[in-house]
Amino acid sequence: LEDHTLGNTLRMELLRNEGVLFVGYKVPHPLDNMIELRIQTQPTTSPEEVVRHAVKNLKTEFKSMLEQFDQGVAELQAEQEKENTS
């Protein structure tokens, strides 16, 4: 589903790119699962390039977050098992 969560996350990642001059998004209708992006870039790059780069960065960031979460859960479970056996 595309909503403000995805729109704002993508907007913030796009704004980290120096080639991006402007990023805005809107949700045309709350019942439609879509967002509309408006991106203005420097002449040296294209909106498609910066969106692809932003999505790649977000995938890497989210993968890292998931790995850290999984590690934390595993450590907590190991701790709890240790407490239950002693």
PDB file of N, CA and C in Angstrom:
ATOM      1  N   LEU A   1       0.834  -1.189   0.000  1.00  0.00           N
ATOM      2  CA  LEU A   1       0.000   0.000   0.000  1.00  0.00           C
ATOM      3  C   LEU A   1       0.873   1.245   0.000  1.00  0.00           C
ATOM      4  N   GLU A   2       0.550   2.172  -0.818  1.00  0.00           N
ATOM      5  CA  GLU A   2       1.278   3.431  -0.833  1.00  0.00           C
ATOM      6  C   GLU A   2       0.454   4.489  -0.107  1.00  0.00           C
ATOM      7  N   ASP A   3       1.047   5.080   0.911  1.00  0.00           N
ATOM      8  CA  ASP A   3       0.382   6.130   1.660  1.00  0.00           C
ATOM      9  C   ASP A   3       1.435   7.104   2.166  1.00  0.00           C
ATOM     10  N   HIS A   4       1.099   7.856   3.179  1.00  0.00           N
ATOM     11  CA  HIS A   4       2.016   8.864   3.700  1.00  0.00           C
ATOM     12  C   HIS A   4       3.286   8.253   4.284  1.00  0.00           C
ATOM     13  N   THR A   5       3.204   7.035   4.798  1.00  0.00           N
ATOM     14  CA  THR A   5       4.398   6.397   5.351  1.00  0.00           C
ATOM     15  C   THR A   5       5.442   6.224   4.263  1.00  0.00           C
ATOM     16  N   LEU A   6       5.053   5.648   3.151  1.00  0.00           N
ATOM     17  CA  LEU A   6       5.980   5.463   2.031  1.00  0.00           C
ATOM     18  C   LEU A   6       6.336   6.800   1.397  1.00  0.00           C
ATOM     19  N   GLY A   7       5.354   7.647   1.205  1.00  0.00           N
ATOM     20  CA  GLY A   7       5.599   8.939   0.560  1.00  0.00           C
ATOM     21  C   GLY A   7       6.610   9.784   1.303  1.00  0.00           C
ATOM     22  N   ASN A   8       6.449   9.904   2.597  1.00  0.00           N
ATOM     23  CA  ASN A   8       7.359  10.735   3.380  1.00  0.00           C
ATOM     24  C   ASN A   8       8.748  10.106   3.472  1.00  0.00           C
ATOM     25  N   THR A   9       8.814   8.789   3.626  1.00  0.00           N
ATOM     26  CA  THR A   9      10.105   8.107   3.684  1.00  0.00           C
ATOM     27  C   THR A   9      10.866   8.295   2.379  1.00  0.00           C
ATOM     28  N   LEU A  10      10.191   8.104   1.265  1.00  0.00           N
ATOM     29  CA  LEU A  10      10.815   8.279  -0.040  1.00  0.00           C
ATOM     30  C   LEU A  10      11.216   9.736  -0.265  1.00  0.00           C
ATOM     31  N   ARG A  11      10.368  10.649   0.135  1.00  0.00           N
ATOM     32  CA  ARG A  11      10.670  12.082  -0.009  1.00  0.00           C
ATOM     33  C   ARG A  11      11.930  12.453   0.761  1.00  0.00           C
ATOM     34  N   MET A  12      12.024  11.988   1.995  1.00  0.00           N
ATOM     35  CA  MET A  12      13.185  12.319   2.822  1.00  0.00           C
ATOM     36  C   MET A  12      14.466  11.720   2.242  1.00  0.00           C
ATOM     37  N   GLU A  13      14.394  10.501   1.728  1.00  0.00           N
ATOM     38  CA  GLU A  13      15.574   9.879   1.127  1.00  0.00           C
ATOM     39  C   GLU A  13      15.974  10.620  -0.150  1.00  0.00           C
ATOM     40  N   LEU A  14      15.013  11.023  -0.945  1.00  0.00           N
ATOM     41  CA  LEU A  14      15.314  11.761  -2.172  1.00  0.00           C
ATOM     42  C   LEU A  14      15.973  13.104  -1.862  1.00  0.00           C
ATOM     43  N   LEU A  15      15.538  13.752  -0.793  1.00  0.00           N
ATOM     44  CA  LEU A  15      16.105  15.054  -0.444  1.00  0.00           C
ATOM     45  C   LEU A  15      17.552  14.958   0.042  1.00  0.00           C
ATOM     46  N   ARG A  16      18.003  13.772   0.400  1.00  0.00           N
ATOM     47  CA  ARG A  16      19.406  13.589   0.794  1.00  0.00           C
ATOM     48  C   ARG A  16      20.338  13.654  -0.417  1.00  0.00           C
ATOM     49  N   ASN A  17      19.774  13.503  -1.610  1.00  0.00           N
ATOM     50  CA  ASN A  17      20.559  13.531  -2.844  1.00  0.00           C
ATOM     51  C   ASN A  17      20.758  14.982  -3.289  1.00  0.00           C
ATOM     52  N   GLU A  18      22.018  15.374  -3.484  1.00  0.00           N
ATOM     53  CA  GLU A  18      22.318  16.764  -3.871  1.00  0.00           C
ATOM     54  C   GLU A  18      21.801  17.130  -5.254  1.00  0.00           C
ATOM     55  N   GLY A  19      21.527  16.124  -6.086  1.00  0.00           N
ATOM     56  CA  GLY A  19      21.003  16.389  -7.414  1.00  0.00           C
ATOM     57  C   GLY A  19      19.516  16.685  -7.439  1.00  0.00           C
ATOM     58  N   VAL A  20      18.863  16.544  -6.302  1.00  0.00           N
ATOM     59  CA  VAL A  20      17.420  16.770  -6.220  1.00  0.00           C
ATOM     60  C   VAL A  20      17.159  18.193  -5.743  1.00  0.00           C
ATOM     61  N   LEU A  21      16.392  18.934  -6.523  1.00  0.00           N
ATOM     62  CA  LEU A  21      16.040  20.310  -6.171  1.00  0.00           C
ATOM     63  C   LEU A  21      14.734  20.387  -5.395  1.00  0.00           C
ATOM     64  N   PHE A  22      13.787  19.536  -5.756  1.00  0.00           N
ATOM     65  CA  PHE A  22      12.462  19.577  -5.130  1.00  0.00           C
ATOM     66  C   PHE A  22      11.850  18.184  -5.151  1.00  0.00           C
ATOM     67  N   VAL A  23      11.185  17.826  -4.058  1.00  0.00           N
ATOM     68  CA  VAL A  23      10.401  16.586  -4.005  1.00  0.00           C
ATOM     69  C   VAL A  23       9.115  16.881  -3.255  1.00  0.00           C
ATOM     70  N   GLY A  24       8.043  16.468  -3.828  1.00  0.00           N
ATOM     71  CA  GLY A  24       6.762  16.560  -3.156  1.00  0.00           C
ATOM     72  C   GLY A  24       5.945  15.320  -3.506  1.00  0.00           C
ATOM     73  N   TYR A  25       4.992  15.005  -2.685  1.00  0.00           N
ATOM     74  CA  TYR A  25       4.110  13.882  -2.986  1.00  0.00           C
ATOM     75  C   TYR A  25       2.725  14.222  -2.474  1.00  0.00           C
ATOM     76  N   LYS A  26       1.765  13.525  -3.025  1.00  0.00           N
ATOM     77  CA  LYS A  26       0.400  13.654  -2.507  1.00  0.00           C
ATOM     78  C   LYS A  26      -0.303  12.324  -2.657  1.00  0.00           C
ATOM     79  N   VAL A  27      -1.275  12.126  -1.792  1.00  0.00           N
ATOM     80  CA  VAL A  27      -2.156  10.962  -1.874  1.00  0.00           C
ATOM     81  C   VAL A  27      -3.457  11.502  -2.468  1.00  0.00           C
ATOM     82  N   PRO A  28      -3.724  11.199  -3.739  1.00  0.00           N
ATOM     83  CA  PRO A  28      -4.884  11.794  -4.404  1.00  0.00           C
ATOM     84  C   PRO A  28      -6.215  11.509  -3.717  1.00  0.00           C
ATOM     85  N   HIS A  29      -6.375  10.287  -3.227  1.00  0.00           N
ATOM     86  CA  HIS A  29      -7.613   9.917  -2.551  1.00  0.00           C
ATOM     87  C   HIS A  29      -7.286   8.836  -1.536  1.00  0.00           C
ATOM     88  N   PRO A  30      -7.812   8.952  -0.320  1.00  0.00           N
ATOM     89  CA  PRO A  30      -7.460   7.979   0.726  1.00  0.00           C
ATOM     90  C   PRO A  30      -7.864   6.533   0.404  1.00  0.00           C
ATOM     91  N   LEU A  31      -8.817   6.341  -0.460  1.00  0.00           N
ATOM     92  CA  LEU A  31      -9.229   4.981  -0.804  1.00  0.00           C
ATOM     93  C   LEU A  31      -8.411   4.385  -1.944  1.00  0.00           C
ATOM     94  N   ASP A  32      -7.629   5.215  -2.632  1.00  0.00           N
ATOM     95  CA  ASP A  32      -6.740   4.727  -3.690  1.00  0.00           C
ATOM     96  C   ASP A  32      -5.373   4.466  -3.089  1.00  0.00           C
ATOM     97  N   ASN A  33      -4.846   3.277  -3.289  1.00  0.00           N
ATOM     98  CA  ASN A  33      -3.536   2.923  -2.753  1.00  0.00           C
ATOM     99  C   ASN A  33      -2.435   3.391  -3.693  1.00  0.00           C
ATOM    100  N   MET A  34      -2.233   4.699  -3.737  1.00  0.00           N
ATOM    101  CA  MET A  34      -1.181   5.246  -4.584  1.00  0.00           C
ATOM    102  C   MET A  34      -0.752   6.619  -4.083  1.00  0.00           C
ATOM    103  N   ILE A  35       0.463   6.990  -4.451  1.00  0.00           N
ATOM    104  CA  ILE A  35       0.950   8.337  -4.203  1.00  0.00           C
ATOM    105  C   ILE A  35       1.420   8.901  -5.530  1.00  0.00           C
ATOM    106  N   GLU A  36       1.421  10.205  -5.625  1.00  0.00           N
ATOM    107  CA  GLU A  36       1.967  10.878  -6.796  1.00  0.00           C
ATOM    108  C   GLU A  36       3.186  11.659  -6.355  1.00  0.00           C
ATOM    109  N   LEU A  37       4.314  11.389  -7.007  1.00  0.00           N
ATOM    110  CA  LEU A  37       5.568  12.072  -6.698  1.00  0.00           C
ATOM    111  C   LEU A  37       5.822  13.163  -7.719  1.00  0.00           C
ATOM    112  N   ARG A  38       6.348  14.270  -7.240  1.00  0.00           N
ATOM    113  CA  ARG A  38       6.820  15.331  -8.133  1.00  0.00           C
ATOM    114  C   ARG A  38       8.275  15.566  -7.756  1.00  0.00           C
ATOM    115  N   ILE A  39       9.167  15.402  -8.731  1.00  0.00           N
ATOM    116  CA  ILE A  39      10.600  15.510  -8.475  1.00  0.00           C
ATOM    117  C   ILE A  39      11.223  16.432  -9.516  1.00  0.00           C
ATOM    118  N   GLN A  40      12.012  17.366  -9.016  1.00  0.00           N
ATOM    119  CA  GLN A  40      12.787  18.232  -9.909  1.00  0.00           C
ATOM    120  C   GLN A  40      14.258  18.014  -9.573  1.00  0.00           C
ATOM    121  N   THR A  41      15.050  17.751 -10.609  1.00  0.00           N
ATOM    122  CA  THR A  41      16.466  17.457 -10.391  1.00  0.00           C
ATOM    123  C   THR A  41      17.351  18.455 -11.133  1.00  0.00           C
ATOM    124  N   GLN A  42      18.635  18.406 -10.795  1.00  0.00           N
ATOM    125  CA  GLN A  42      19.634  19.165 -11.537  1.00  0.00           C
ATOM    126  C   GLN A  42      19.666  18.614 -12.964  1.00  0.00           C
ATOM    127  N   PRO A  43      20.142  19.412 -13.920  1.00  0.00           N
ATOM    128  CA  PRO A  43      20.217  18.923 -15.310  1.00  0.00           C
ATOM    129  C   PRO A  43      21.153  17.718 -15.482  1.00  0.00           C
ATOM    130  N   THR A  44      22.043  17.488 -14.527  1.00  0.00           N
ATOM    131  CA  THR A  44      23.015  16.400 -14.653  1.00  0.00           C
ATOM    132  C   THR A  44      22.439  15.027 -14.325  1.00  0.00           C
ATOM    133  N   THR A  45      21.229  14.976 -13.822  1.00  0.00           N
ATOM    134  CA  THR A  45      20.610  13.691 -13.474  1.00  0.00           C
ATOM    135  C   THR A  45      19.140  13.718 -13.871  1.00  0.00           C
ATOM    136  N   SER A  46      18.469  12.600 -13.666  1.00  0.00           N
ATOM    137  CA  SER A  46      17.048  12.533 -14.027  1.00  0.00           C
ATOM    138  C   SER A  46      16.240  12.063 -12.822  1.00  0.00           C
ATOM    139  N   PRO A  47      14.961  12.378 -12.804  1.00  0.00           N
ATOM    140  CA  PRO A  47      14.108  11.894 -11.713  1.00  0.00           C
ATOM    141  C   PRO A  47      14.131  10.368 -11.592  1.00  0.00           C
ATOM    142  N   GLU A  48      14.165   9.673 -12.724  1.00  0.00           N
ATOM    143  CA  GLU A  48      14.194   8.210 -12.670  1.00  0.00           C
ATOM    144  C   GLU A  48      15.463   7.714 -11.971  1.00  0.00           C
ATOM    145  N   GLU A  49      16.593   8.315 -12.294  1.00  0.00           N
ATOM    146  CA  GLU A  49      17.858   7.912 -11.658  1.00  0.00           C
ATOM    147  C   GLU A  49      17.815   8.106 -10.146  1.00  0.00           C
ATOM    148  N   VAL A  50      17.344   9.274  -9.711  1.00  0.00           N
ATOM    149  CA  VAL A  50      17.363   9.554  -8.272  1.00  0.00           C
ATOM    150  C   VAL A  50      16.361   8.691  -7.516  1.00  0.00           C
ATOM    151  N   VAL A  51      15.237   8.361  -8.135  1.00  0.00           N
ATOM    152  CA  VAL A  51      14.265   7.476  -7.478  1.00  0.00           C
ATOM    153  C   VAL A  51      14.856   6.070  -7.350  1.00  0.00           C
ATOM    154  N   ARG A  52      15.483   5.593  -8.401  1.00  0.00           N
ATOM    155  CA  ARG A  52      16.113   4.262  -8.346  1.00  0.00           C
ATOM    156  C   ARG A  52      17.187   4.216  -7.255  1.00  0.00           C
ATOM    157  N   HIS A  53      17.983   5.283  -7.159  1.00  0.00           N
ATOM    158  CA  HIS A  53      19.037   5.351  -6.150  1.00  0.00           C
ATOM    159  C   HIS A  53      18.427   5.401  -4.745  1.00  0.00           C
ATOM    160  N   ALA A  54      17.383   6.188  -4.569  1.00  0.00           N
ATOM    161  CA  ALA A  54      16.727   6.304  -3.258  1.00  0.00           C
ATOM    162  C   ALA A  54      16.128   4.973  -2.828  1.00  0.00           C
ATOM    163  N   VAL A  55      15.484   4.277  -3.741  1.00  0.00           N
ATOM    164  CA  VAL A  55      14.877   2.977  -3.416  1.00  0.00           C
ATOM    165  C   VAL A  55      15.966   1.977  -3.043  1.00  0.00           C
ATOM    166  N   LYS A  56      17.077   1.992  -3.783  1.00  0.00           N
ATOM    167  CA  LYS A  56      18.197   1.102  -3.469  1.00  0.00           C
ATOM    168  C   LYS A  56      18.726   1.391  -2.064  1.00  0.00           C
ATOM    169  N   ASN A  57      18.897   2.671  -1.728  1.00  0.00           N
ATOM    170  CA  ASN A  57      19.366   3.055  -0.392  1.00  0.00           C
ATOM    171  C   ASN A  57      18.391   2.609   0.693  1.00  0.00           C
ATOM    172  N   LEU A  58      17.109   2.814   0.456  1.00  0.00           N
ATOM    173  CA  LEU A  58      16.108   2.428   1.449  1.00  0.00           C
ATOM    174  C   LEU A  58      16.069   0.915   1.643  1.00  0.00           C
ATOM    175  N   LYS A  59      16.213   0.158   0.556  1.00  0.00           N
ATOM    176  CA  LYS A  59      16.241  -1.303   0.683  1.00  0.00           C
ATOM    177  C   LYS A  59      17.399  -1.735   1.575  1.00  0.00           C
ATOM    178  N   THR A  60      18.566  -1.122   1.369  1.00  0.00           N
ATOM    179  CA  THR A  60      19.738  -1.448   2.183  1.00  0.00           C
ATOM    180  C   THR A  60      19.507  -1.078   3.641  1.00  0.00           C
ATOM    181  N   GLU A  61      18.946   0.112   3.857  1.00  0.00           N
ATOM    182  CA  GLU A  61      18.682   0.580   5.216  1.00  0.00           C
ATOM    183  C   GLU A  61      17.666  -0.311   5.931  1.00  0.00           C
ATOM    184  N   PHE A  62      16.592  -0.674   5.248  1.00  0.00           N
ATOM    185  CA  PHE A  62      15.562  -1.519   5.847  1.00  0.00           C
ATOM    186  C   PHE A  62      16.085  -2.926   6.109  1.00  0.00           C
ATOM    187  N   LYS A  63      16.933  -3.438   5.218  1.00  0.00           N
ATOM    188  CA  LYS A  63      17.532  -4.755   5.431  1.00  0.00           C
ATOM    189  C   LYS A  63      18.380  -4.740   6.695  1.00  0.00           C
ATOM    190  N   SER A  64      19.154  -3.682   6.869  1.00  0.00           N
ATOM    191  CA  SER A  64      19.990  -3.547   8.067  1.00  0.00           C
ATOM    192  C   SER A  64      19.122  -3.470   9.323  1.00  0.00           C
ATOM    193  N   MET A  65      18.044  -2.717   9.264  1.00  0.00           N
ATOM    194  CA  MET A  65      17.144  -2.605  10.411  1.00  0.00           C
ATOM    195  C   MET A  65      16.545  -3.963  10.760  1.00  0.00           C
ATOM    196  N   LEU A  66      16.146  -4.715   9.750  1.00  0.00           N
ATOM    197  CA  LEU A  66      15.549  -6.030   9.982  1.00  0.00           C
ATOM    198  C   LEU A  66      16.573  -6.980  10.601  1.00  0.00           C
ATOM    199  N   GLU A  67      17.809  -6.935  10.110  1.00  0.00           N
ATOM    200  CA  GLU A  67      18.860  -7.788  10.675  1.00  0.00           C
ATOM    201  C   GLU A  67      19.114  -7.438  12.143  1.00  0.00           C
ATOM    202  N   GLN A  68      19.153  -6.149  12.453  1.00  0.00           N
ATOM    203  CA  GLN A  68      19.359  -5.725  13.837  1.00  0.00           C
ATOM    204  C   GLN A  68      18.194  -6.163  14.720  1.00  0.00           C
ATOM    205  N   PHE A  69      16.987  -6.070  14.186  1.00  0.00           N
ATOM    206  CA  PHE A  69      15.804  -6.502  14.932  1.00  0.00           C
ATOM    207  C   PHE A  69      15.871  -8.006  15.214  1.00  0.00           C
ATOM    208  N   ASP A  70      16.170  -8.772  14.168  1.00  0.00           N
ATOM    209  CA  ASP A  70      16.257 -10.223  14.331  1.00  0.00           C
ATOM    210  C   ASP A  70      17.333 -10.597  15.349  1.00  0.00           C
ATOM    211  N   GLN A  71      18.451  -9.915  15.311  1.00  0.00           N
ATOM    212  CA  GLN A  71      19.536 -10.178  16.259  1.00  0.00           C
ATOM    213  C   GLN A  71      19.079  -9.855  17.688  1.00  0.00           C
ATOM    214  N   GLY A  72      18.393  -8.745  17.847  1.00  0.00           N
ATOM    215  CA  GLY A  72      17.890  -8.359  19.164  1.00  0.00           C
ATOM    216  C   GLY A  72      16.891  -9.360  19.711  1.00  0.00           C
ATOM    217  N   VAL A  73      16.000  -9.833  18.857  1.00  0.00           N
ATOM    218  CA  VAL A  73      15.006 -10.828  19.269  1.00  0.00           C
ATOM    219  C   VAL A  73      15.712 -12.120  19.676  1.00  0.00           C
ATOM    220  N   ALA A  74      16.691 -12.549  18.887  1.00  0.00           N
ATOM    221  CA  ALA A  74      17.419 -13.782  19.199  1.00  0.00           C
ATOM    222  C   ALA A  74      18.151 -13.658  20.534  1.00  0.00           C
ATOM    223  N   GLU A  75      18.772 -12.501  20.773  1.00  0.00           N
ATOM    224  CA  GLU A  75      19.469 -12.288  22.042  1.00  0.00           C
ATOM    225  C   GLU A  75      18.496 -12.300  23.217  1.00  0.00           C
ATOM    226  N   LEU A  76      17.354 -11.671  23.056  1.00  0.00           N
ATOM    227  CA  LEU A  76      16.346 -11.644  24.115  1.00  0.00           C
ATOM    228  C   LEU A  76      15.824 -13.048  24.404  1.00  0.00           C
ATOM    229  N   GLN A  77      15.545 -13.802  23.350  1.00  0.00           N
ATOM    230  CA  GLN A  77      15.060 -15.172  23.542  1.00  0.00           C
ATOM    231  C   GLN A  77      16.108 -16.030  24.235  1.00  0.00           C
ATOM    232  N   ALA A  78      17.369 -15.874  23.869  1.00  0.00           N
ATOM    233  CA  ALA A  78      18.443 -16.638  24.506  1.00  0.00           C
ATOM    234  C   ALA A  78      18.551 -16.268  25.980  1.00  0.00           C
ATOM    235  N   GLU A  79      18.402 -14.981  26.277  1.00  0.00           N
ATOM    236  CA  GLU A  79      18.429 -14.510  27.671  1.00  0.00           C
ATOM    237  C   GLU A  79      17.288 -15.112  28.477  1.00  0.00           C
ATOM    238  N   GLN A  80      16.098 -15.103  27.888  1.00  0.00           N
ATOM    239  CA  GLN A  80      14.921 -15.629  28.574  1.00  0.00           C
ATOM    240  C   GLN A  80      15.042 -17.136  28.802  1.00  0.00           C
ATOM    241  N   GLU A  81      15.579 -17.861  27.836  1.00  0.00           N
ATOM    242  CA  GLU A  81      15.768 -19.300  27.997  1.00  0.00           C
ATOM    243  C   GLU A  81      16.783 -19.580  29.088  1.00  0.00           C
ATOM    244  N   LYS A  82      17.805 -18.752  29.149  1.00  0.00           N
ATOM    245  CA  LYS A  82      18.834 -18.908  30.178  1.00  0.00           C
ATOM    246  C   LYS A  82      18.239 -18.699  31.573  1.00  0.00           C
ATOM    247  N   GLU A  83      17.364 -17.682  31.695  1.00  0.00           N
ATOM    248  CA  GLU A  83      16.721 -17.383  32.987  1.00  0.00           C
ATOM    249  C   GLU A  83      15.754 -18.512  33.390  1.00  0.00           C
ATOM    250  N   ASN A  84      15.060 -19.077  32.393  1.00  0.00           N
ATOM    251  CA  ASN A  84      14.093 -20.130  32.674  1.00  0.00           C
ATOM    252  C   ASN A  84      14.749 -21.444  33.063  1.00  0.00           C
ATOM    253  N   THR A  85      15.961 -21.675  32.610  1.00  0.00           N
ATOM    254  CA  THR A  85      16.639 -22.948  32.929  1.00  0.00           C
ATOM    255  C   THR A  85      17.436 -22.865  34.235  1.00  0.00           C
ATOM    256  N   SER A  86      17.624 -21.661  34.760  1.00  0.00           N
ATOM    257  CA  SER A  86      18.406 -21.565  36.013  1.00  0.00           C
ATOM    258  C   SER A  86      17.532 -21.424  37.226  1.00  0.00           C
TER     259      SER A  86
END
